[in-house]
Amino acid sequence: MTEQSSGVFDPPGIAFAPVSRSLITVRLISMALWLVLPFVAAVVLGVLVGGWAWLAPGALAALILWLLWLIPRQVRAIGYAEAEDDLLVRKGILFRSLTVVPYGRMQFVDVNAGPLDRALGVATVQLHTAAAQTDATIPGLPPAEATRLRDRLTARGEARLAGL
């Protein structure tokens, strides 16, 4: 990767905070819930039919192995930073993105956590703006950090709207 292309995603003077490693476990369990049943069904089909039917469990096994390698890398690529005037969220390995949300443009901030998220101690912070393209999501934050970030972003957004 060239220095110029990484500079776009690593602005000078900005330190990105990583998300919780527990997000890896959440995503791996979610992947397993979606793929284990089809894998078992494909194996049963392979046993009953034989021959070409074994391609399905082979393909699913390859997909599962690829996801076991990919998911931890994806989670490690997620980061966020609170700059003076904006919140920066970066994601992606191959297709990288950097979302910059000005505090004054934020309309509201959500904190969400499903049952698996709560069991593993993570939450998602979602920022909403008037333009849907600039909405940002930060998954995998510890609940205390998600609450702190929500309160801080809300306060900063209100201060920017008030012109302070």
N, C-alpha and C. Protein backbone atom coordinates (compact mmCIF):
# COMPACT_ATOMS: atom_id res chain seq x y z
N MET A 1 0.85 -1.17 0.00
CA MET A 1 0.00 0.00 0.00
C MET A 1 0.90 1.23 0.00
N THR A 2 0.55 2.22 -0.78
CA THR A 2 1.37 3.40 -0.84
C THR A 2 1.10 4.30 0.34
N GLU A 3 2.05 5.16 0.64
CA GLU A 3 1.90 6.07 1.77
C GLU A 3 0.76 7.05 1.54
N GLN A 4 0.57 7.47 0.29
CA GLN A 4 -0.48 8.41 -0.02
C GLN A 4 -1.86 7.81 0.21
N SER A 5 -2.09 6.55 -0.21
CA SER A 5 -3.40 5.95 -0.04
C SER A 5 -3.72 5.67 1.41
N SER A 6 -2.71 5.34 2.24
CA SER A 6 -2.99 5.10 3.65
C SER A 6 -3.22 6.41 4.38
N GLY A 7 -2.65 7.53 3.91
CA GLY A 7 -2.83 8.83 4.55
C GLY A 7 -4.27 9.29 4.53
N VAL A 8 -5.02 8.91 3.52
CA VAL A 8 -6.43 9.27 3.44
C VAL A 8 -7.20 8.65 4.60
N PHE A 9 -6.82 7.45 4.98
CA PHE A 9 -7.53 6.72 6.03
C PHE A 9 -6.85 6.88 7.40
N ASP A 10 -5.72 7.54 7.46
CA ASP A 10 -5.00 7.81 8.71
C ASP A 10 -4.65 9.29 8.77
N PRO A 11 -5.63 10.16 9.03
CA PRO A 11 -5.32 11.60 9.07
C PRO A 11 -4.26 11.89 10.14
N PRO A 12 -3.37 12.84 9.86
CA PRO A 12 -2.31 13.14 10.83
C PRO A 12 -2.91 13.70 12.14
N GLY A 13 -2.33 13.28 13.24
CA GLY A 13 -2.76 13.77 14.54
C GLY A 13 -4.02 13.12 15.09
N ILE A 14 -4.56 12.12 14.39
CA ILE A 14 -5.78 11.44 14.83
C ILE A 14 -5.41 10.02 15.26
N ALA A 15 -5.76 9.67 16.48
CA ALA A 15 -5.53 8.31 16.98
C ALA A 15 -6.87 7.59 17.04
N PHE A 16 -7.00 6.53 16.29
CA PHE A 16 -8.24 5.77 16.25
C PHE A 16 -8.28 4.76 17.39
N ALA A 17 -9.42 4.70 18.07
CA ALA A 17 -9.63 3.72 19.14
C ALA A 17 -10.21 2.45 18.51
N PRO A 18 -9.71 1.29 18.90
CA PRO A 18 -10.26 0.05 18.36
C PRO A 18 -11.56 -0.33 19.08
N VAL A 19 -12.32 -1.21 18.46
CA VAL A 19 -13.52 -1.73 19.11
C VAL A 19 -13.13 -2.97 19.92
N SER A 20 -14.05 -3.46 20.73
CA SER A 20 -13.79 -4.61 21.60
C SER A 20 -13.55 -5.88 20.77
N ARG A 21 -12.62 -6.70 21.23
CA ARG A 21 -12.35 -7.99 20.58
C ARG A 21 -13.53 -8.94 20.74
N SER A 22 -14.42 -8.66 21.69
CA SER A 22 -15.62 -9.50 21.87
C SER A 22 -16.50 -9.48 20.63
N LEU A 23 -16.37 -8.43 19.80
CA LEU A 23 -17.14 -8.37 18.56
C LEU A 23 -16.77 -9.53 17.64
N ILE A 24 -15.53 -9.99 17.69
CA ILE A 24 -15.12 -11.15 16.88
C ILE A 24 -15.95 -12.36 17.28
N THR A 25 -16.08 -12.59 18.58
CA THR A 25 -16.87 -13.73 19.06
C THR A 25 -18.32 -13.60 18.66
N VAL A 26 -18.89 -12.40 18.79
CA VAL A 26 -20.28 -12.17 18.40
C VAL A 26 -20.48 -12.51 16.93
N ARG A 27 -19.58 -12.02 16.09
CA ARG A 27 -19.73 -12.27 14.65
C ARG A 27 -19.49 -13.73 14.28
N LEU A 28 -18.56 -14.40 14.97
CA LEU A 28 -18.33 -15.82 14.69
C LEU A 28 -19.53 -16.67 15.11
N ILE A 29 -20.12 -16.36 16.25
CA ILE A 29 -21.31 -17.10 16.70
C ILE A 29 -22.46 -16.85 15.73
N SER A 30 -22.64 -15.61 15.30
CA SER A 30 -23.71 -15.30 14.32
C SER A 30 -23.49 -16.06 13.03
N MET A 31 -22.24 -16.11 12.57
CA MET A 31 -21.92 -16.85 11.35
C MET A 31 -22.24 -18.33 11.53
N ALA A 32 -21.88 -18.87 12.69
CA ALA A 32 -22.15 -20.29 12.95
C ALA A 32 -23.65 -20.57 12.95
N LEU A 33 -24.41 -19.68 13.56
CA LEU A 33 -25.87 -19.88 13.60
C LEU A 33 -26.47 -19.91 12.20
N TRP A 34 -25.91 -19.14 11.29
CA TRP A 34 -26.43 -19.09 9.92
C TRP A 34 -25.93 -20.22 9.04
N LEU A 35 -24.73 -20.73 9.31
CA LEU A 35 -24.12 -21.69 8.38
C LEU A 35 -24.05 -23.13 8.86
N VAL A 36 -24.19 -23.39 10.15
CA VAL A 36 -24.06 -24.76 10.63
C VAL A 36 -25.21 -25.64 10.13
N LEU A 37 -26.43 -25.17 10.22
CA LEU A 37 -27.58 -25.96 9.76
C LEU A 37 -27.49 -26.28 8.26
N PRO A 38 -27.22 -25.29 7.39
CA PRO A 38 -27.05 -25.65 5.97
C PRO A 38 -25.88 -26.62 5.74
N PHE A 39 -24.81 -26.48 6.54
CA PHE A 39 -23.67 -27.39 6.39
C PHE A 39 -24.07 -28.82 6.75
N VAL A 40 -24.79 -28.99 7.86
CA VAL A 40 -25.24 -30.32 8.28
C VAL A 40 -26.19 -30.90 7.22
N ALA A 41 -27.09 -30.08 6.71
CA ALA A 41 -28.03 -30.54 5.68
C ALA A 41 -27.26 -30.97 4.42
N ALA A 42 -26.22 -30.20 4.06
CA ALA A 42 -25.43 -30.55 2.88
C ALA A 42 -24.66 -31.85 3.09
N VAL A 43 -24.16 -32.08 4.30
CA VAL A 43 -23.46 -33.34 4.59
C VAL A 43 -24.44 -34.51 4.50
N VAL A 44 -25.63 -34.34 5.07
CA VAL A 44 -26.65 -35.41 4.99
C VAL A 44 -26.98 -35.69 3.53
N LEU A 45 -27.14 -34.64 2.74
CA LEU A 45 -27.41 -34.81 1.31
C LEU A 45 -26.26 -35.55 0.63
N GLY A 46 -25.03 -35.20 1.00
CA GLY A 46 -23.87 -35.88 0.42
C GLY A 46 -23.84 -37.34 0.78
N VAL A 47 -24.19 -37.68 2.03
CA VAL A 47 -24.21 -39.08 2.46
C VAL A 47 -25.30 -39.85 1.72
N LEU A 48 -26.48 -39.24 1.59
CA LEU A 48 -27.61 -39.92 0.94
C LEU A 48 -27.44 -40.06 -0.57
N VAL A 49 -26.95 -39.03 -1.21
CA VAL A 49 -26.88 -39.02 -2.67
C VAL A 49 -25.47 -39.40 -3.16
N GLY A 50 -24.45 -38.88 -2.50
CA GLY A 50 -23.08 -39.17 -2.92
C GLY A 50 -22.69 -38.37 -4.16
N GLY A 51 -21.55 -38.66 -4.69
CA GLY A 51 -21.06 -38.04 -5.92
C GLY A 51 -20.95 -36.52 -5.83
N TRP A 52 -21.61 -35.84 -6.79
CA TRP A 52 -21.54 -34.38 -6.88
C TRP A 52 -22.17 -33.68 -5.69
N ALA A 53 -23.01 -34.34 -4.95
CA ALA A 53 -23.66 -33.71 -3.80
C ALA A 53 -22.65 -33.31 -2.73
N TRP A 54 -21.44 -33.90 -2.76
CA TRP A 54 -20.42 -33.53 -1.78
C TRP A 54 -19.80 -32.17 -2.07
N LEU A 55 -20.09 -31.60 -3.23
CA LEU A 55 -19.58 -30.26 -3.53
C LEU A 55 -20.20 -29.21 -2.60
N ALA A 56 -21.46 -29.38 -2.24
CA ALA A 56 -22.13 -28.40 -1.37
C ALA A 56 -21.48 -28.30 0.00
N PRO A 57 -21.28 -29.42 0.72
CA PRO A 57 -20.61 -29.27 2.02
C PRO A 57 -19.16 -28.81 1.88
N GLY A 58 -18.52 -29.19 0.79
CA GLY A 58 -17.15 -28.70 0.56
C GLY A 58 -17.11 -27.20 0.37
N ALA A 59 -18.06 -26.69 -0.41
CA ALA A 59 -18.13 -25.24 -0.62
C ALA A 59 -18.47 -24.52 0.68
N LEU A 60 -19.41 -25.06 1.45
CA LEU A 60 -19.76 -24.44 2.73
C LEU A 60 -18.59 -24.49 3.71
N ALA A 61 -17.85 -25.59 3.73
CA ALA A 61 -16.68 -25.69 4.60
C ALA A 61 -15.63 -24.65 4.21
N ALA A 62 -15.42 -24.47 2.90
CA ALA A 62 -14.48 -23.45 2.44
C ALA A 62 -14.95 -22.05 2.85
N LEU A 63 -16.25 -21.79 2.73
CA LEU A 63 -16.81 -20.50 3.14
C LEU A 63 -16.61 -20.27 4.64
N ILE A 64 -16.87 -21.29 5.44
CA ILE A 64 -16.70 -21.18 6.90
C ILE A 64 -15.24 -20.90 7.24
N LEU A 65 -14.30 -21.61 6.62
CA LEU A 65 -12.88 -21.37 6.88
C LEU A 65 -12.47 -19.96 6.48
N TRP A 66 -12.96 -19.51 5.33
CA TRP A 66 -12.64 -18.15 4.87
C TRP A 66 -13.18 -17.11 5.85
N LEU A 67 -14.41 -17.31 6.35
CA LEU A 67 -14.99 -16.37 7.32
C LEU A 67 -14.26 -16.41 8.66
N LEU A 68 -13.78 -17.58 9.07
CA LEU A 68 -12.99 -17.68 10.30
C LEU A 68 -11.70 -16.87 10.19
N TRP A 69 -11.16 -16.76 8.99
CA TRP A 69 -9.97 -15.95 8.76
C TRP A 69 -10.34 -14.48 8.60
N LEU A 70 -11.45 -14.19 7.92
CA LEU A 70 -11.80 -12.82 7.56
C LEU A 70 -12.38 -12.01 8.73
N ILE A 71 -13.28 -12.58 9.51
CA ILE A 71 -13.99 -11.83 10.54
C ILE A 71 -13.04 -11.17 11.54
N PRO A 72 -12.03 -11.86 12.09
CA PRO A 72 -11.12 -11.17 13.00
C PRO A 72 -10.39 -9.99 12.35
N ARG A 73 -10.02 -10.13 11.10
CA ARG A 73 -9.36 -9.03 10.38
C ARG A 73 -10.31 -7.85 10.19
N GLN A 74 -11.56 -8.13 9.86
CA GLN A 74 -12.54 -7.05 9.70
C GLN A 74 -12.74 -6.28 11.00
N VAL A 75 -12.86 -7.00 12.09
CA VAL A 75 -13.08 -6.34 13.38
C VAL A 75 -11.86 -5.50 13.77
N ARG A 76 -10.66 -6.01 13.54
CA ARG A 76 -9.46 -5.23 13.86
C ARG A 76 -9.34 -3.97 13.01
N ALA A 77 -9.99 -3.94 11.86
CA ALA A 77 -9.92 -2.77 10.97
C ALA A 77 -10.90 -1.67 11.37
N ILE A 78 -11.82 -1.94 12.29
CA ILE A 78 -12.80 -0.94 12.70
C ILE A 78 -12.19 -0.06 13.78
N GLY A 79 -12.33 1.25 13.61
CA GLY A 79 -11.84 2.19 14.61
C GLY A 79 -12.63 3.48 14.55
N TYR A 80 -12.55 4.25 15.62
CA TYR A 80 -13.24 5.54 15.66
C TYR A 80 -12.36 6.54 16.41
N ALA A 81 -12.56 7.81 16.10
CA ALA A 81 -11.79 8.86 16.76
C ALA A 81 -12.68 10.08 16.92
N GLU A 82 -12.53 10.72 18.06
CA GLU A 82 -13.24 11.97 18.32
C GLU A 82 -12.28 13.12 18.05
N ALA A 83 -12.50 13.83 16.95
CA ALA A 83 -11.69 15.01 16.64
C ALA A 83 -12.37 16.23 17.26
N GLU A 84 -11.79 17.37 17.06
CA GLU A 84 -12.33 18.59 17.66
C GLU A 84 -13.73 18.92 17.14
N ASP A 85 -13.95 18.76 15.83
CA ASP A 85 -15.22 19.15 15.24
C ASP A 85 -16.04 17.99 14.68
N ASP A 86 -15.45 16.78 14.58
CA ASP A 86 -16.15 15.66 13.96
C ASP A 86 -15.80 14.35 14.64
N LEU A 87 -16.64 13.36 14.33
CA LEU A 87 -16.37 11.98 14.72
C LEU A 87 -15.93 11.26 13.45
N LEU A 88 -14.83 10.53 13.52
CA LEU A 88 -14.33 9.78 12.38
C LEU A 88 -14.50 8.29 12.66
N VAL A 89 -15.02 7.57 11.67
CA VAL A 89 -15.20 6.12 11.78
C VAL A 89 -14.55 5.49 10.56
N ARG A 90 -13.65 4.55 10.81
CA ARG A 90 -13.00 3.88 9.68
C ARG A 90 -13.25 2.39 9.76
N LYS A 91 -13.42 1.79 8.57
CA LYS A 91 -13.71 0.36 8.46
C LYS A 91 -13.07 -0.17 7.19
N GLY A 92 -12.97 -1.49 7.12
CA GLY A 92 -12.61 -2.14 5.87
C GLY A 92 -11.17 -2.55 5.77
N ILE A 93 -10.98 -3.62 5.01
CA ILE A 93 -9.64 -4.13 4.75
C ILE A 93 -9.30 -3.87 3.28
N LEU A 94 -10.04 -4.50 2.39
CA LEU A 94 -9.82 -4.31 0.97
C LEU A 94 -10.53 -3.05 0.48
N PHE A 95 -11.79 -2.92 0.85
CA PHE A 95 -12.57 -1.74 0.51
C PHE A 95 -12.68 -0.90 1.78
N ARG A 96 -11.76 0.03 1.93
CA ARG A 96 -11.69 0.84 3.14
C ARG A 96 -12.63 2.03 3.03
N SER A 97 -13.13 2.46 4.18
CA SER A 97 -13.95 3.67 4.20
C SER A 97 -13.62 4.48 5.44
N LEU A 98 -13.71 5.78 5.30
CA LEU A 98 -13.55 6.71 6.40
C LEU A 98 -14.75 7.64 6.36
N THR A 99 -15.58 7.57 7.40
CA THR A 99 -16.76 8.42 7.49
C THR A 99 -16.48 9.51 8.50
N VAL A 100 -16.69 10.75 8.10
CA VAL A 100 -16.49 11.89 8.98
C VAL A 100 -17.86 12.53 9.21
N VAL A 101 -18.27 12.54 10.48
CA VAL A 101 -19.58 13.11 10.82
C VAL A 101 -19.35 14.35 11.68
N PRO A 102 -19.66 15.54 11.15
CA PRO A 102 -19.52 16.75 11.96
C PRO A 102 -20.52 16.72 13.13
N TYR A 103 -20.05 17.10 14.32
CA TYR A 103 -20.92 17.07 15.49
C TYR A 103 -22.19 17.90 15.27
N GLY A 104 -22.07 19.02 14.58
CA GLY A 104 -23.22 19.90 14.35
C GLY A 104 -24.27 19.32 13.43
N ARG A 105 -23.92 18.26 12.68
CA ARG A 105 -24.87 17.62 11.76
C ARG A 105 -25.62 16.45 12.37
N MET A 106 -25.21 16.04 13.57
CA MET A 106 -25.86 14.88 14.20
C MET A 106 -27.26 15.26 14.67
N GLN A 107 -28.22 14.41 14.35
CA GLN A 107 -29.58 14.63 14.81
C GLN A 107 -29.87 13.83 16.07
N PHE A 108 -29.47 12.57 16.08
CA PHE A 108 -29.59 11.77 17.29
C PHE A 108 -28.63 10.59 17.24
N VAL A 109 -28.40 10.01 18.42
CA VAL A 109 -27.45 8.91 18.57
C VAL A 109 -28.17 7.75 19.24
N ASP A 110 -28.10 6.58 18.63
CA ASP A 110 -28.70 5.36 19.19
C ASP A 110 -27.62 4.45 19.76
N VAL A 111 -27.98 3.73 20.82
CA VAL A 111 -27.15 2.64 21.32
C VAL A 111 -28.01 1.39 21.27
N ASN A 112 -27.53 0.35 20.58
CA ASN A 112 -28.28 -0.90 20.41
C ASN A 112 -27.43 -2.07 20.86
N ALA A 113 -28.10 -3.09 21.41
CA ALA A 113 -27.42 -4.33 21.76
C ALA A 113 -28.45 -5.45 21.76
N GLY A 114 -28.23 -6.45 20.92
CA GLY A 114 -29.11 -7.62 20.90
C GLY A 114 -28.74 -8.56 22.03
N PRO A 115 -29.47 -9.69 22.13
CA PRO A 115 -29.20 -10.64 23.21
C PRO A 115 -27.77 -11.18 23.21
N LEU A 116 -27.25 -11.52 22.03
CA LEU A 116 -25.88 -12.04 21.95
C LEU A 116 -24.88 -10.94 22.29
N ASP A 117 -25.13 -9.72 21.81
CA ASP A 117 -24.27 -8.59 22.15
C ASP A 117 -24.21 -8.38 23.66
N ARG A 118 -25.37 -8.37 24.29
CA ARG A 118 -25.43 -8.16 25.74
C ARG A 118 -24.71 -9.28 26.49
N ALA A 119 -24.89 -10.52 26.04
CA ALA A 119 -24.25 -11.65 26.71
C ALA A 119 -22.72 -11.55 26.64
N LEU A 120 -22.21 -10.98 25.55
CA LEU A 120 -20.76 -10.89 25.38
C LEU A 120 -20.22 -9.49 25.68
N GLY A 121 -21.09 -8.60 26.16
CA GLY A 121 -20.64 -7.29 26.63
C GLY A 121 -20.25 -6.30 25.56
N VAL A 122 -21.04 -6.23 24.48
CA VAL A 122 -20.79 -5.22 23.45
C VAL A 122 -22.10 -4.53 23.07
N ALA A 123 -21.96 -3.35 22.50
CA ALA A 123 -23.11 -2.58 22.02
C ALA A 123 -22.70 -1.85 20.75
N THR A 124 -23.69 -1.35 20.02
CA THR A 124 -23.45 -0.60 18.79
C THR A 124 -23.96 0.82 18.96
N VAL A 125 -23.13 1.78 18.58
CA VAL A 125 -23.52 3.18 18.60
C VAL A 125 -23.80 3.58 17.15
N GLN A 126 -24.98 4.14 16.90
CA GLN A 126 -25.34 4.58 15.55
C GLN A 126 -25.67 6.06 15.59
N LEU A 127 -25.02 6.81 14.72
CA LEU A 127 -25.24 8.24 14.62
C LEU A 127 -26.13 8.51 13.42
N HIS A 128 -27.11 9.36 13.59
CA HIS A 128 -28.02 9.71 12.51
C HIS A 128 -27.87 11.19 12.18
N THR A 129 -27.80 11.48 10.89
CA THR A 129 -27.73 12.85 10.41
C THR A 129 -28.88 13.08 9.44
N ALA A 130 -29.01 14.31 8.97
CA ALA A 130 -30.07 14.62 8.00
C ALA A 130 -29.85 13.88 6.68
N ALA A 131 -28.58 13.67 6.32
CA ALA A 131 -28.26 12.95 5.09
C ALA A 131 -27.92 11.51 5.45
N ALA A 132 -28.66 10.56 4.90
CA ALA A 132 -28.45 9.15 5.23
C ALA A 132 -27.05 8.67 4.86
N GLN A 133 -26.40 9.30 3.89
CA GLN A 133 -25.08 8.88 3.46
C GLN A 133 -24.03 9.12 4.55
N THR A 134 -24.28 10.04 5.46
CA THR A 134 -23.28 10.35 6.48
C THR A 134 -23.60 9.69 7.82
N ASP A 135 -24.63 8.84 7.88
CA ASP A 135 -24.87 8.08 9.10
C ASP A 135 -23.66 7.19 9.35
N ALA A 136 -23.33 6.98 10.60
CA ALA A 136 -22.18 6.16 10.94
C ALA A 136 -22.56 5.18 12.04
N THR A 137 -21.96 4.01 12.00
CA THR A 137 -22.21 2.97 12.99
C THR A 137 -20.87 2.50 13.55
N ILE A 138 -20.81 2.40 14.87
CA ILE A 138 -19.61 1.86 15.52
C ILE A 138 -20.05 0.63 16.31
N PRO A 139 -19.79 -0.56 15.76
CA PRO A 139 -20.17 -1.79 16.47
C PRO A 139 -19.10 -2.20 17.47
N GLY A 140 -19.46 -3.06 18.42
CA GLY A 140 -18.49 -3.69 19.27
C GLY A 140 -17.88 -2.84 20.37
N LEU A 141 -18.64 -1.87 20.87
CA LEU A 141 -18.13 -1.08 21.99
C LEU A 141 -18.61 -1.68 23.31
N PRO A 142 -17.76 -1.65 24.33
CA PRO A 142 -18.26 -2.06 25.65
C PRO A 142 -19.42 -1.13 26.05
N PRO A 143 -20.43 -1.64 26.75
CA PRO A 143 -21.60 -0.81 27.07
C PRO A 143 -21.27 0.51 27.76
N ALA A 144 -20.30 0.51 28.67
CA ALA A 144 -19.94 1.76 29.35
C ALA A 144 -19.36 2.77 28.37
N GLU A 145 -18.53 2.30 27.43
CA GLU A 145 -17.96 3.18 26.41
C GLU A 145 -19.04 3.67 25.45
N ALA A 146 -19.99 2.79 25.10
CA ALA A 146 -21.08 3.19 24.21
C ALA A 146 -21.92 4.29 24.86
N THR A 147 -22.20 4.14 26.15
CA THR A 147 -22.97 5.15 26.87
C THR A 147 -22.20 6.46 26.97
N ARG A 148 -20.90 6.36 27.30
CA ARG A 148 -20.06 7.57 27.38
C ARG A 148 -20.01 8.28 26.04
N LEU A 149 -19.81 7.52 24.97
CA LEU A 149 -19.73 8.10 23.63
C LEU A 149 -21.05 8.73 23.23
N ARG A 150 -22.15 8.05 23.51
CA ARG A 150 -23.48 8.61 23.20
C ARG A 150 -23.68 9.95 23.91
N ASP A 151 -23.39 9.99 25.20
CA ASP A 151 -23.57 11.23 25.96
C ASP A 151 -22.65 12.33 25.47
N ARG A 152 -21.41 11.98 25.18
CA ARG A 152 -20.44 12.98 24.71
C ARG A 152 -20.82 13.51 23.33
N LEU A 153 -21.22 12.63 22.43
CA LEU A 153 -21.61 13.07 21.09
C LEU A 153 -22.88 13.91 21.13
N THR A 154 -23.82 13.53 21.97
CA THR A 154 -25.05 14.31 22.11
C THR A 154 -24.73 15.71 22.63
N ALA A 155 -23.88 15.80 23.64
CA ALA A 155 -23.51 17.10 24.19
C ALA A 155 -22.77 17.95 23.16
N ARG A 156 -21.84 17.33 22.44
CA ARG A 156 -21.10 18.08 21.41
C ARG A 156 -22.02 18.53 20.28
N GLY A 157 -22.95 17.65 19.89
CA GLY A 157 -23.90 18.02 18.83
C GLY A 157 -24.79 19.18 19.25
N GLU A 158 -25.29 19.16 20.49
CA GLU A 158 -26.13 20.24 20.98
C GLU A 158 -25.33 21.55 21.07
N ALA A 159 -24.09 21.45 21.49
CA ALA A 159 -23.25 22.65 21.58
C ALA A 159 -23.00 23.25 20.20
N ARG A 160 -22.76 22.40 19.21
CA ARG A 160 -22.51 22.90 17.85
C ARG A 160 -23.79 23.53 17.26
N LEU A 161 -24.94 22.91 17.52
CA LEU A 161 -26.21 23.46 17.01
C LEU A 161 -26.53 24.80 17.67
N ALA A 162 -26.14 24.94 18.93
CA ALA A 162 -26.41 26.20 19.65
C ALA A 162 -25.41 27.28 19.26
N GLY A 163 -24.39 26.90 18.48
CA GLY A 163 -23.40 27.88 18.01
C GLY A 163 -22.34 28.21 19.04
N LEU A 164 -22.14 27.30 20.00
CA LEU A 164 -21.13 27.55 21.04
C LEU A 164 -19.76 27.22 20.54
